[in-house]
Amino acid sequence: MLMTKNNSATLLEQLNKIVSEGRNPTTMDIDLLPTISILEKINQEDAGVADAVRKTIPHIAKAVDAIVPRLQEGGRLIYLGAGTSGRLGILDAVECRPTFSVSESVVIGIIAGGDGAIKNAIEGAEDDSAQGVADLKAIQFNHNDVLVALSASGRTPYAIAALEYANELGAVSVTVTCNPGSPMMDCAQIGICPVVGPECITGSTRMKSGTAQKLVLNMLSTASMIRLGKTYENLMVDVNATNQKLKARAIRIVMQATDCAEQEASEALTAANNHAKLAILMLLTGLDAKRAEAILTENNGFLRQAVQAQN
C-alpha cells in the first residue's frame, strides 16, 4: 500500500498512543553500557513480564473455559497473527501435536503472508484485511471454532478483520495483545492484555511483548489440554512417542505414574502400542489392552477417572 502523507500522519498518531511503542526511561543509556550491563537491563525488564501475565489470569481462564467445550464438540483452536505474533501462534500449535497427541487439524497456526512469512518478513502482509478473512475461509473456519488473534500493538488490520469475521459467524473470538484500549481489545469477545510497558529497544515487540504472548499461549493450550484429560496428575500421559527421545520419555512417564520398573514399563508400552496413557491404566488395574482402551473411552480419555472407576 502506498504511504501517503495523511495516512503516515495517522499511523504516527496511533503509534504515539501505543504503550509498547513508548521509550523506556530505564534503558536510555543502553548503547553506552558494557555487555554484562546490557544483559542485566534486559533481564530486569523481562522480570516484570510474568507479573503482567498473572494479572490477566481471570481473562485467560475465561478463554480456556470457552475453548474446552468447543474442542470437545469437534471445534478447533485457531491462532492467527502477523510477524512475531504469528510465529508464536504457529509454534504453540505445532508443539501441541507431539505433547498432547492432538491432530494437526485441531490446533492450527496461521501467519499473515503464509508459510513463507515464518522465515521471512512479508512486507505489507499485516495490513491486508481481506487476507485475514480469506485465510480463515481457506480452512473452513466456522461457528464451532475458537479464534485467538495475536498482536502486540492490538491494531493489526489482518487480525482485526479476522476477529470481525469470527464474530459474524458466531465463533468464539479471543485476542492476546499488550496494549489496553486497542482496536483488537474492542473487537474480541475475550481480551487478554498483559501490559508489559515499553520495550528495552523501542518498538522491538519481539522482546517483552513476545515473551508475554508466549506465556499466555502456553497457559491457554496447556490448561485446555489438562481440562480435556490429556494429563494424569502432572504427567503428560498423551505424549506421542514418535522418536527415541519421546519413547524414552514415555517409559519414564509410565514408571513415574505406576512406580514400576523400566522393563515392566517398556513391556506395557509395547502391549499398548506405545500409548503411555493406556499402558498406565493397564499396569494400575491389571486390565488387558483391549479392555483398558474400552474403559478409557467410557471415561472420555480421562485416565484418573478410568483408574478410579476400577477401584
C-alpha atoms as a PDB file:
ATOM      1  CA  MET A   1       0.000   0.000   0.000  1.00  0.00           C
ATOM      2  CA  LEU A   2       1.337   3.414  -0.973  1.00  0.00           C
ATOM      3  CA  MET A   3       2.043   5.513   2.134  1.00  0.00           C
ATOM      4  CA  THR A   4       0.540   8.974   1.708  1.00  0.00           C
ATOM      5  CA  LYS A   5       1.205  11.989   3.885  1.00  0.00           C
ATOM      6  CA  ASN A   6      -2.216  11.698   5.513  1.00  0.00           C
ATOM      7  CA  ASN A   7      -2.102   8.030   6.429  1.00  0.00           C
ATOM      8  CA  SER A   8       1.508   8.434   7.546  1.00  0.00           C
ATOM      9  CA  ALA A   9       0.389  11.107   9.993  1.00  0.00           C
ATOM     10  CA  THR A  10      -2.460   8.884  11.190  1.00  0.00           C
ATOM     11  CA  LEU A  11      -0.113   5.967  11.777  1.00  0.00           C
ATOM     12  CA  LEU A  12       2.318   8.160  13.690  1.00  0.00           C
ATOM     13  CA  GLU A  13      -0.518   9.381  15.865  1.00  0.00           C
ATOM     14  CA  GLN A  14      -1.569   5.788  16.557  1.00  0.00           C
ATOM     15  CA  LEU A  15       1.977   4.711  17.425  1.00  0.00           C
ATOM     16  CA  ASN A  16       2.290   7.579  19.881  1.00  0.00           C
ATOM     17  CA  LYS A  17      -0.639   6.126  21.830  1.00  0.00           C
ATOM     18  CA  ILE A  18       0.639   2.533  21.941  1.00  0.00           C
ATOM     19  CA  VAL A  19       2.230   1.541  25.237  1.00  0.00           C
ATOM     20  CA  SER A  20       4.659  -0.942  23.701  1.00  0.00           C
ATOM     21  CA  GLU A  21       5.917   1.711  21.256  1.00  0.00           C
ATOM     22  CA  GLY A  22       6.935   4.153  24.009  1.00  0.00           C
ATOM     23  CA  ARG A  23      10.528   4.838  25.039  1.00  0.00           C
ATOM     24  CA  ASN A  24      11.736   3.032  28.094  1.00  0.00           C
ATOM     25  CA  PRO A  25      13.339   5.506  30.539  1.00  0.00           C
ATOM     26  CA  THR A  26      15.429   2.812  32.215  1.00  0.00           C
ATOM     27  CA  THR A  27      17.293   1.866  29.025  1.00  0.00           C
ATOM     28  CA  MET A  28      18.100   5.280  27.523  1.00  0.00           C
ATOM     29  CA  ASP A  29      21.814   4.635  28.112  1.00  0.00           C
ATOM     30  CA  ILE A  30      21.820   1.027  26.874  1.00  0.00           C
ATOM     31  CA  ASP A  31      24.057   1.832  23.897  1.00  0.00           C
ATOM     32  CA  LEU A  32      26.786   3.069  26.248  1.00  0.00           C
ATOM     33  CA  LEU A  33      26.886   0.030  28.528  1.00  0.00           C
ATOM     34  CA  PRO A  34      29.252  -2.944  28.602  1.00  0.00           C
ATOM     35  CA  THR A  35      27.804  -6.302  27.585  1.00  0.00           C
ATOM     36  CA  ILE A  36      27.009  -7.551  31.084  1.00  0.00           C
ATOM     37  CA  SER A  37      25.139  -4.352  31.943  1.00  0.00           C
ATOM     38  CA  ILE A  38      23.124  -4.557  28.711  1.00  0.00           C
ATOM     39  CA  LEU A  39      22.095  -8.089  29.634  1.00  0.00           C
ATOM     40  CA  GLU A  40      21.228  -7.054  33.179  1.00  0.00           C
ATOM     41  CA  LYS A  41      18.966  -4.299  31.820  1.00  0.00           C
ATOM     42  CA  ILE A  42      17.192  -6.749  29.518  1.00  0.00           C
ATOM     43  CA  ASN A  43      16.807  -9.269  32.323  1.00  0.00           C
ATOM     44  CA  GLN A  44      15.470  -6.600  34.666  1.00  0.00           C
ATOM     45  CA  GLU A  45      12.785  -5.681  32.150  1.00  0.00           C
ATOM     46  CA  ASP A  46      11.933  -9.330  31.472  1.00  0.00           C
ATOM     47  CA  ALA A  47      11.421  -9.917  35.206  1.00  0.00           C
ATOM     48  CA  GLY A  48       8.157  -7.978  35.130  1.00  0.00           C
ATOM     49  CA  VAL A  49       6.576  -9.953  32.283  1.00  0.00           C
ATOM     50  CA  ALA A  50       5.300 -12.855  34.392  1.00  0.00           C
ATOM     51  CA  ASP A  51       3.585 -10.454  36.790  1.00  0.00           C
ATOM     52  CA  ALA A  52       1.896  -8.675  33.892  1.00  0.00           C
ATOM     53  CA  VAL A  53       0.601 -12.042  32.676  1.00  0.00           C
ATOM     54  CA  ARG A  54      -0.509 -13.001  36.211  1.00  0.00           C
ATOM     55  CA  LYS A  55      -2.847 -10.006  36.259  1.00  0.00           C
ATOM     56  CA  THR A  56      -4.650 -11.356  33.190  1.00  0.00           C
ATOM     57  CA  ILE A  57      -5.323 -14.849  34.601  1.00  0.00           C
ATOM     58  CA  PRO A  58      -9.091 -14.265  35.013  1.00  0.00           C
ATOM     59  CA  HIS A  59      -9.299 -13.433  31.305  1.00  0.00           C
ATOM     60  CA  ILE A  60      -7.098 -16.389  30.340  1.00  0.00           C
ATOM     61  CA  ALA A  61      -9.373 -18.639  32.419  1.00  0.00           C
ATOM     62  CA  LYS A  62     -12.410 -17.278  30.585  1.00  0.00           C
ATOM     63  CA  ALA A  63     -10.757 -18.128  27.277  1.00  0.00           C
ATOM     64  CA  VAL A  64      -9.855 -21.661  28.410  1.00  0.00           C
ATOM     65  CA  ASP A  65     -13.416 -22.238  29.610  1.00  0.00           C
ATOM     66  CA  ALA A  66     -14.602 -21.218  26.144  1.00  0.00           C
ATOM     67  CA  ILE A  67     -12.001 -23.312  24.282  1.00  0.00           C
ATOM     68  CA  VAL A  68     -12.571 -26.620  26.099  1.00  0.00           C
ATOM     69  CA  PRO A  69     -16.253 -27.204  25.210  1.00  0.00           C
ATOM     70  CA  ARG A  70     -15.632 -26.179  21.596  1.00  0.00           C
ATOM     71  CA  LEU A  71     -12.830 -28.744  21.282  1.00  0.00           C
ATOM     72  CA  GLN A  72     -14.973 -31.387  22.997  1.00  0.00           C
ATOM     73  CA  GLU A  73     -17.667 -30.774  20.396  1.00  0.00           C
ATOM     74  CA  GLY A  74     -15.278 -31.118  17.462  1.00  0.00           C
ATOM     75  CA  GLY A  75     -14.325 -27.475  17.041  1.00  0.00           C
ATOM     76  CA  ARG A  76     -10.792 -26.196  16.540  1.00  0.00           C
ATOM     77  CA  LEU A  77      -8.415 -23.745  18.169  1.00  0.00           C
ATOM     78  CA  ILE A  78      -7.002 -21.295  15.622  1.00  0.00           C
ATOM     79  CA  TYR A  79      -4.100 -18.941  16.338  1.00  0.00           C
ATOM     80  CA  LEU A  80      -3.692 -16.053  13.895  1.00  0.00           C
ATOM     81  CA  GLY A  81      -1.256 -13.161  13.746  1.00  0.00           C
ATOM     82  CA  ALA A  82       1.451 -11.334  11.835  1.00  0.00           C
ATOM     83  CA  GLY A  83       5.221 -11.337  12.313  1.00  0.00           C
ATOM     84  CA  THR A  84       6.432 -12.450  15.746  1.00  0.00           C
ATOM     85  CA  SER A  85       2.864 -12.923  16.966  1.00  0.00           C
ATOM     86  CA  GLY A  86       2.012 -15.209  14.054  1.00  0.00           C
ATOM     87  CA  ARG A  87       5.172 -17.255  14.543  1.00  0.00           C
ATOM     88  CA  LEU A  88       4.435 -17.710  18.244  1.00  0.00           C
ATOM     89  CA  GLY A  89       0.963 -18.991  17.401  1.00  0.00           C
ATOM     90  CA  ILE A  90       2.383 -21.486  14.915  1.00  0.00           C
ATOM     91  CA  LEU A  91       4.958 -22.635  17.480  1.00  0.00           C
ATOM     92  CA  ASP A  92       2.309 -23.355  20.108  1.00  0.00           C
ATOM     93  CA  ALA A  93       0.050 -25.098  17.602  1.00  0.00           C
ATOM     94  CA  VAL A  94       2.835 -27.349  16.340  1.00  0.00           C
ATOM     95  CA  GLU A  95       4.003 -28.247  19.850  1.00  0.00           C
ATOM     96  CA  CYS A  96       0.510 -29.404  20.861  1.00  0.00           C
ATOM     97  CA  ARG A  97       0.766 -32.317  18.438  1.00  0.00           C
ATOM     98  CA  PRO A  98       3.614 -34.350  19.971  1.00  0.00           C
ATOM     99  CA  THR A  99       2.978 -33.155  23.528  1.00  0.00           C
ATOM    100  CA  PHE A 100      -0.718 -33.987  23.717  1.00  0.00           C
ATOM    101  CA  SER A 101      -1.267 -36.247  20.680  1.00  0.00           C
ATOM    102  CA  VAL A 102      -3.779 -33.933  19.050  1.00  0.00           C
ATOM    103  CA  SER A 103      -4.297 -33.920  15.317  1.00  0.00           C
ATOM    104  CA  GLU A 104      -2.723 -31.144  13.259  1.00  0.00           C
ATOM    105  CA  SER A 105      -6.271 -30.174  12.327  1.00  0.00           C
ATOM    106  CA  VAL A 106      -7.290 -29.440  15.958  1.00  0.00           C
ATOM    107  CA  VAL A 107      -4.851 -26.648  16.836  1.00  0.00           C
ATOM    108  CA  ILE A 108      -3.827 -24.555  13.830  1.00  0.00           C
ATOM    109  CA  GLY A 109      -1.476 -21.596  13.463  1.00  0.00           C
ATOM    110  CA  ILE A 110      -1.949 -19.024  10.693  1.00  0.00           C
ATOM    111  CA  ILE A 111       0.507 -16.229   9.885  1.00  0.00           C
ATOM    112  CA  ALA A 112      -0.061 -13.204   7.671  1.00  0.00           C
ATOM    113  CA  GLY A 113       1.794 -13.753   4.420  1.00  0.00           C
ATOM    114  CA  GLY A 114       1.505 -17.544   4.539  1.00  0.00           C
ATOM    115  CA  ASP A 115       4.125 -20.148   5.384  1.00  0.00           C
ATOM    116  CA  GLY A 116       6.860 -18.083   3.735  1.00  0.00           C
ATOM    117  CA  ALA A 117       6.412 -15.488   6.453  1.00  0.00           C
ATOM    118  CA  ILE A 118       7.561 -17.971   9.097  1.00  0.00           C
ATOM    119  CA  LYS A 119      11.163 -17.451   7.970  1.00  0.00           C
ATOM    120  CA  ASN A 120      10.975 -14.167   6.091  1.00  0.00           C
ATOM    121  CA  ALA A 121       9.293 -10.821   6.642  1.00  0.00           C
ATOM    122  CA  ILE A 122       6.494 -10.343   4.103  1.00  0.00           C
ATOM    123  CA  GLU A 123       6.081  -6.620   3.552  1.00  0.00           C
ATOM    124  CA  GLY A 124       2.524  -5.345   3.918  1.00  0.00           C
ATOM    125  CA  ALA A 125       1.041  -8.688   4.977  1.00  0.00           C
ATOM    126  CA  GLU A 126      -0.166  -7.392   8.337  1.00  0.00           C
ATOM    127  CA  ASP A 127      -2.075  -4.558   6.627  1.00  0.00           C
ATOM    128  CA  ASP A 128      -4.077  -6.872   4.358  1.00  0.00           C
ATOM    129  CA  SER A 129      -7.531  -7.038   5.977  1.00  0.00           C
ATOM    130  CA  ALA A 130      -9.066  -9.075   3.180  1.00  0.00           C
ATOM    131  CA  GLN A 131      -6.406 -11.759   3.546  1.00  0.00           C
ATOM    132  CA  GLY A 132      -7.192 -12.167   7.242  1.00  0.00           C
ATOM    133  CA  VAL A 133     -10.701 -13.242   6.278  1.00  0.00           C
ATOM    134  CA  ALA A 134      -9.510 -15.246   3.260  1.00  0.00           C
ATOM    135  CA  ASP A 135      -7.079 -17.245   5.414  1.00  0.00           C
ATOM    136  CA  LEU A 136      -9.895 -18.248   7.775  1.00  0.00           C
ATOM    137  CA  LYS A 137     -12.147 -19.171   4.860  1.00  0.00           C
ATOM    138  CA  ALA A 138      -9.339 -21.302   3.445  1.00  0.00           C
ATOM    139  CA  ILE A 139      -9.516 -23.610   6.490  1.00  0.00           C
ATOM    140  CA  GLN A 140     -13.339 -23.558   6.545  1.00  0.00           C
ATOM    141  CA  PHE A 141     -13.369 -21.631   9.812  1.00  0.00           C
ATOM    142  CA  ASN A 142     -16.861 -21.876  11.317  1.00  0.00           C
ATOM    143  CA  HIS A 143     -19.014 -21.117  14.353  1.00  0.00           C
ATOM    144  CA  ASN A 144     -17.735 -24.210  16.213  1.00  0.00           C
ATOM    145  CA  ASP A 145     -14.149 -22.889  16.248  1.00  0.00           C
ATOM    146  CA  VAL A 146     -12.199 -20.557  18.522  1.00  0.00           C
ATOM    147  CA  LEU A 147     -10.051 -17.787  17.058  1.00  0.00           C
ATOM    148  CA  VAL A 148      -7.165 -16.426  19.115  1.00  0.00           C
ATOM    149  CA  ALA A 149      -5.840 -13.353  17.296  1.00  0.00           C
ATOM    150  CA  LEU A 150      -2.390 -12.175  18.364  1.00  0.00           C
ATOM    151  CA  SER A 151      -0.836  -8.730  18.064  1.00  0.00           C
ATOM    152  CA  ALA A 152       1.500  -6.831  20.364  1.00  0.00           C
ATOM    153  CA  SER A 153       0.050  -3.491  19.272  1.00  0.00           C
ATOM    154  CA  GLY A 154      -3.550  -4.645  19.086  1.00  0.00           C
ATOM    155  CA  ARG A 155      -4.092  -2.691  15.863  1.00  0.00           C
ATOM    156  CA  THR A 156      -3.062  -5.157  13.110  1.00  0.00           C
ATOM    157  CA  PRO A 157      -5.625  -4.863  10.250  1.00  0.00           C
ATOM    158  CA  TYR A 158      -5.111  -8.505   9.207  1.00  0.00           C
ATOM    159  CA  ALA A 159      -6.032  -9.716  12.703  1.00  0.00           C
ATOM    160  CA  ILE A 160      -8.852  -7.201  13.252  1.00  0.00           C
ATOM    161  CA  ALA A 161     -10.626  -8.360  10.100  1.00  0.00           C
ATOM    162  CA  ALA A 162     -10.254 -11.990  11.193  1.00  0.00           C
ATOM    163  CA  LEU A 163     -11.800 -11.190  14.593  1.00  0.00           C
ATOM    164  CA  GLU A 164     -14.719  -9.389  12.967  1.00  0.00           C
ATOM    165  CA  TYR A 165     -15.309 -12.366  10.661  1.00  0.00           C
ATOM    166  CA  ALA A 166     -15.240 -14.782  13.605  1.00  0.00           C
ATOM    167  CA  ASN A 167     -17.809 -12.660  15.398  1.00  0.00           C
ATOM    168  CA  GLU A 168     -20.056 -12.613  12.322  1.00  0.00           C
ATOM    169  CA  LEU A 169     -20.035 -16.419  12.254  1.00  0.00           C
ATOM    170  CA  GLY A 170     -20.807 -16.761  15.958  1.00  0.00           C
ATOM    171  CA  ALA A 171     -17.438 -18.316  16.778  1.00  0.00           C
ATOM    172  CA  VAL A 172     -15.521 -17.553  19.974  1.00  0.00           C
ATOM    173  CA  SER A 173     -13.101 -14.671  19.420  1.00  0.00           C
ATOM    174  CA  VAL A 174     -10.116 -14.063  21.708  1.00  0.00           C
ATOM    175  CA  THR A 175      -7.264 -11.612  21.415  1.00  0.00           C
ATOM    176  CA  VAL A 176      -3.849 -11.507  23.070  1.00  0.00           C
ATOM    177  CA  THR A 177      -2.271  -8.060  22.921  1.00  0.00           C
ATOM    178  CA  CYS A 178      -0.070  -5.883  25.099  1.00  0.00           C
ATOM    179  CA  ASN A 179      -1.870  -2.585  24.636  1.00  0.00           C
ATOM    180  CA  PRO A 180      -5.052  -1.757  26.561  1.00  0.00           C
ATOM    181  CA  GLY A 181      -7.774   0.119  24.725  1.00  0.00           C
ATOM    182  CA  SER A 182      -6.553  -1.141  21.359  1.00  0.00           C
ATOM    183  CA  PRO A 183      -8.946  -1.935  18.473  1.00  0.00           C
ATOM    184  CA  MET A 184      -8.452  -5.684  18.895  1.00  0.00           C
ATOM    185  CA  MET A 185      -9.485  -5.478  22.541  1.00  0.00           C
ATOM    186  CA  ASP A 186     -12.698  -3.849  21.353  1.00  0.00           C
ATOM    187  CA  CYS A 187     -13.282  -6.478  18.641  1.00  0.00           C
ATOM    188  CA  ALA A 188     -12.701  -9.649  20.642  1.00  0.00           C
ATOM    189  CA  GLN A 189     -15.256 -11.263  22.908  1.00  0.00           C
ATOM    190  CA  ILE A 190     -12.433 -12.121  25.312  1.00  0.00           C
ATOM    191  CA  GLY A 191      -9.468  -9.761  25.623  1.00  0.00           C
ATOM    192  CA  ILE A 192      -6.191 -10.821  27.241  1.00  0.00           C
ATOM    193  CA  CYS A 193      -3.843  -7.870  27.707  1.00  0.00           C
ATOM    194  CA  PRO A 194      -0.649  -8.249  29.738  1.00  0.00           C
ATOM    195  CA  VAL A 195       0.691  -4.692  29.875  1.00  0.00           C
ATOM    196  CA  VAL A 196       4.469  -5.096  29.844  1.00  0.00           C
ATOM    197  CA  GLY A 197       5.251  -1.459  29.057  1.00  0.00           C
ATOM    198  CA  PRO A 198       7.869  -0.059  26.670  1.00  0.00           C
ATOM    199  CA  GLU A 199      10.486  -2.431  25.305  1.00  0.00           C
ATOM    200  CA  CYS A 200      14.197  -2.220  26.079  1.00  0.00           C
ATOM    201  CA  ILE A 201      14.697  -1.244  22.450  1.00  0.00           C
ATOM    202  CA  THR A 202      11.818   0.994  21.372  1.00  0.00           C
ATOM    203  CA  GLY A 203       9.275  -0.865  19.272  1.00  0.00           C
ATOM    204  CA  SER A 204      11.076  -4.236  19.392  1.00  0.00           C
ATOM    205  CA  THR A 205       7.971  -6.127  20.461  1.00  0.00           C
ATOM    206  CA  ARG A 206       9.606  -9.495  19.860  1.00  0.00           C
ATOM    207  CA  MET A 207      11.075  -8.927  23.337  1.00  0.00           C
ATOM    208  CA  LYS A 208       8.780  -8.397  26.372  1.00  0.00           C
ATOM    209  CA  SER A 209       5.572  -8.372  24.345  1.00  0.00           C
ATOM    210  CA  GLY A 210       6.586 -11.554  22.538  1.00  0.00           C
ATOM    211  CA  THR A 211       7.527 -13.217  25.820  1.00  0.00           C
ATOM    212  CA  ALA A 212       4.173 -12.264  27.337  1.00  0.00           C
ATOM    213  CA  GLN A 213       2.279 -13.669  24.344  1.00  0.00           C
ATOM    214  CA  LYS A 214       4.276 -16.910  24.538  1.00  0.00           C
ATOM    215  CA  LEU A 215       3.450 -17.285  28.237  1.00  0.00           C
ATOM    216  CA  VAL A 216      -0.246 -16.699  27.577  1.00  0.00           C
ATOM    217  CA  LEU A 217      -0.282 -19.228  24.729  1.00  0.00           C
ATOM    218  CA  ASN A 218       1.429 -21.792  26.972  1.00  0.00           C
ATOM    219  CA  MET A 219      -1.329 -21.280  29.523  1.00  0.00           C
ATOM    220  CA  LEU A 220      -4.188 -21.371  27.011  1.00  0.00           C
ATOM    221  CA  SER A 221      -3.135 -24.609  25.345  1.00  0.00           C
ATOM    222  CA  THR A 222      -1.805 -26.411  28.417  1.00  0.00           C
ATOM    223  CA  ALA A 223      -4.788 -25.617  30.657  1.00  0.00           C
ATOM    224  CA  SER A 224      -7.171 -26.580  27.843  1.00  0.00           C
ATOM    225  CA  MET A 225      -5.408 -29.910  27.333  1.00  0.00           C
ATOM    226  CA  ILE A 226      -5.451 -30.612  31.078  1.00  0.00           C
ATOM    227  CA  ARG A 227      -9.192 -29.941  31.116  1.00  0.00           C
ATOM    228  CA  LEU A 228      -9.558 -32.345  28.171  1.00  0.00           C
ATOM    229  CA  GLY A 229      -7.899 -35.177  30.112  1.00  0.00           C
ATOM    230  CA  LYS A 230      -4.516 -35.059  28.426  1.00  0.00           C
ATOM    231  CA  THR A 231      -2.628 -35.377  31.726  1.00  0.00           C
ATOM    232  CA  TYR A 232      -2.572 -37.720  34.712  1.00  0.00           C
ATOM    233  CA  GLU A 233      -1.542 -35.878  37.855  1.00  0.00           C
ATOM    234  CA  ASN A 234       1.105 -33.617  36.310  1.00  0.00           C
ATOM    235  CA  LEU A 235       2.343 -36.126  33.741  1.00  0.00           C
ATOM    236  CA  MET A 236       1.728 -35.604  30.010  1.00  0.00           C
ATOM    237  CA  VAL A 237       0.367 -39.098  29.503  1.00  0.00           C
ATOM    238  CA  ASP A 238      -0.931 -38.416  25.997  1.00  0.00           C
ATOM    239  CA  VAL A 239       2.586 -37.857  24.688  1.00  0.00           C
ATOM    240  CA  ASN A 240       3.014 -39.242  21.184  1.00  0.00           C
ATOM    241  CA  ALA A 241       6.195 -41.369  21.259  1.00  0.00           C
ATOM    242  CA  THR A 242       7.307 -40.726  17.676  1.00  0.00           C
ATOM    243  CA  ASN A 243      11.080 -40.578  18.206  1.00  0.00           C
ATOM    244  CA  GLN A 244      13.714 -42.074  20.509  1.00  0.00           C
ATOM    245  CA  LYS A 245      13.624 -39.183  22.977  1.00  0.00           C
ATOM    246  CA  LEU A 246       9.851 -39.310  23.266  1.00  0.00           C
ATOM    247  CA  LYS A 247       9.883 -43.103  23.589  1.00  0.00           C
ATOM    248  CA  ALA A 248      12.306 -42.805  26.497  1.00  0.00           C
ATOM    249  CA  ARG A 249      10.118 -40.097  27.991  1.00  0.00           C
ATOM    250  CA  ALA A 250       7.044 -42.326  27.632  1.00  0.00           C
ATOM    251  CA  ILE A 251       8.808 -45.123  29.515  1.00  0.00           C
ATOM    252  CA  ARG A 252       9.759 -42.697  32.259  1.00  0.00           C
ATOM    253  CA  ILE A 253       6.204 -41.340  32.471  1.00  0.00           C
ATOM    254  CA  VAL A 254       4.787 -44.855  32.846  1.00  0.00           C
ATOM    255  CA  MET A 255       7.363 -45.610  35.550  1.00  0.00           C
ATOM    256  CA  GLN A 256       6.543 -42.389  37.414  1.00  0.00           C
ATOM    257  CA  ALA A 257       2.791 -42.959  37.241  1.00  0.00           C
ATOM    258  CA  THR A 258       2.868 -46.591  38.362  1.00  0.00           C
ATOM    259  CA  ASP A 259       6.138 -46.977  40.345  1.00  0.00           C
ATOM    260  CA  CYS A 260       7.044 -49.896  38.114  1.00  0.00           C
ATOM    261  CA  ALA A 261      10.458 -50.944  36.818  1.00  0.00           C
ATOM    262  CA  GLU A 262      11.788 -49.911  33.404  1.00  0.00           C
ATOM    263  CA  GLN A 263      11.317 -53.377  31.891  1.00  0.00           C
ATOM    264  CA  GLU A 264       7.714 -53.559  33.042  1.00  0.00           C
ATOM    265  CA  ALA A 265       7.007 -50.082  31.675  1.00  0.00           C
ATOM    266  CA  SER A 266       8.604 -50.948  28.330  1.00  0.00           C
ATOM    267  CA  GLU A 267       6.594 -54.176  28.016  1.00  0.00           C
ATOM    268  CA  ALA A 268       3.351 -52.401  28.892  1.00  0.00           C
ATOM    269  CA  LEU A 269       4.043 -49.713  26.298  1.00  0.00           C
ATOM    270  CA  THR A 270       4.640 -52.355  23.650  1.00  0.00           C
ATOM    271  CA  ALA A 271       1.344 -54.028  24.536  1.00  0.00           C
ATOM    272  CA  ALA A 272      -0.349 -50.615  24.436  1.00  0.00           C
ATOM    273  CA  ASN A 273       1.121 -49.739  21.030  1.00  0.00           C
ATOM    274  CA  ASN A 274       3.266 -47.020  22.658  1.00  0.00           C
ATOM    275  CA  HIS A 275       0.288 -45.189  24.196  1.00  0.00           C
ATOM    276  CA  ALA A 276       1.516 -44.149  27.629  1.00  0.00           C
ATOM    277  CA  LYS A 277      -1.975 -43.439  28.981  1.00  0.00           C
ATOM    278  CA  LEU A 278      -3.186 -46.905  28.040  1.00  0.00           C
ATOM    279  CA  ALA A 279      -0.051 -48.580  29.429  1.00  0.00           C
ATOM    280  CA  ILE A 280      -0.513 -46.807  32.764  1.00  0.00           C
ATOM    281  CA  LEU A 281      -4.135 -47.914  33.045  1.00  0.00           C
ATOM    282  CA  MET A 282      -3.150 -51.494  32.263  1.00  0.00           C
ATOM    283  CA  LEU A 283      -0.472 -51.506  34.953  1.00  0.00           C
ATOM    284  CA  LEU A 284      -2.622 -49.793  37.599  1.00  0.00           C
ATOM    285  CA  THR A 285      -5.674 -52.012  37.038  1.00  0.00           C
ATOM    286  CA  GLY A 286      -4.376 -55.286  35.594  1.00  0.00           C
ATOM    287  CA  LEU A 287      -6.618 -54.922  32.553  1.00  0.00           C
ATOM    288  CA  ASP A 288      -5.526 -56.120  29.122  1.00  0.00           C
ATOM    289  CA  ALA A 289      -5.065 -53.562  26.348  1.00  0.00           C
ATOM    290  CA  LYS A 290      -8.468 -54.090  24.719  1.00  0.00           C
ATOM    291  CA  ARG A 291     -10.427 -53.769  27.959  1.00  0.00           C
ATOM    292  CA  ALA A 292      -8.317 -50.849  29.191  1.00  0.00           C
ATOM    293  CA  GLU A 293      -8.935 -48.981  25.943  1.00  0.00           C
ATOM    294  CA  ALA A 294     -12.685 -49.511  26.318  1.00  0.00           C
ATOM    295  CA  ILE A 295     -12.592 -48.177  29.884  1.00  0.00           C
ATOM    296  CA  LEU A 296     -10.670 -45.106  28.725  1.00  0.00           C
ATOM    297  CA  THR A 297     -13.250 -44.470  26.025  1.00  0.00           C
ATOM    298  CA  GLU A 298     -16.072 -44.799  28.554  1.00  0.00           C
ATOM    299  CA  ASN A 299     -14.346 -42.116  30.641  1.00  0.00           C
ATOM    300  CA  ASN A 300     -13.752 -39.769  27.688  1.00  0.00           C
ATOM    301  CA  GLY A 301      -9.993 -40.301  27.867  1.00  0.00           C
ATOM    302  CA  PHE A 302      -9.650 -39.117  31.478  1.00  0.00           C
ATOM    303  CA  LEU A 303      -7.103 -41.508  32.958  1.00  0.00           C
ATOM    304  CA  ARG A 304      -7.695 -40.577  36.603  1.00  0.00           C
ATOM    305  CA  GLN A 305     -11.432 -41.196  36.212  1.00  0.00           C
ATOM    306  CA  ALA A 306     -10.756 -44.508  34.455  1.00  0.00           C
ATOM    307  CA  VAL A 307      -8.458 -45.654  37.270  1.00  0.00           C
ATOM    308  CA  GLN A 308     -10.939 -44.611  39.955  1.00  0.00           C
ATOM    309  CA  ALA A 309     -13.735 -46.444  38.128  1.00  0.00           C
ATOM    310  CA  GLN A 310     -11.824 -49.691  38.538  1.00  0.00           C
ATOM    311  CA  ASN A 311     -11.056 -49.257  42.252  1.00  0.00           C
END
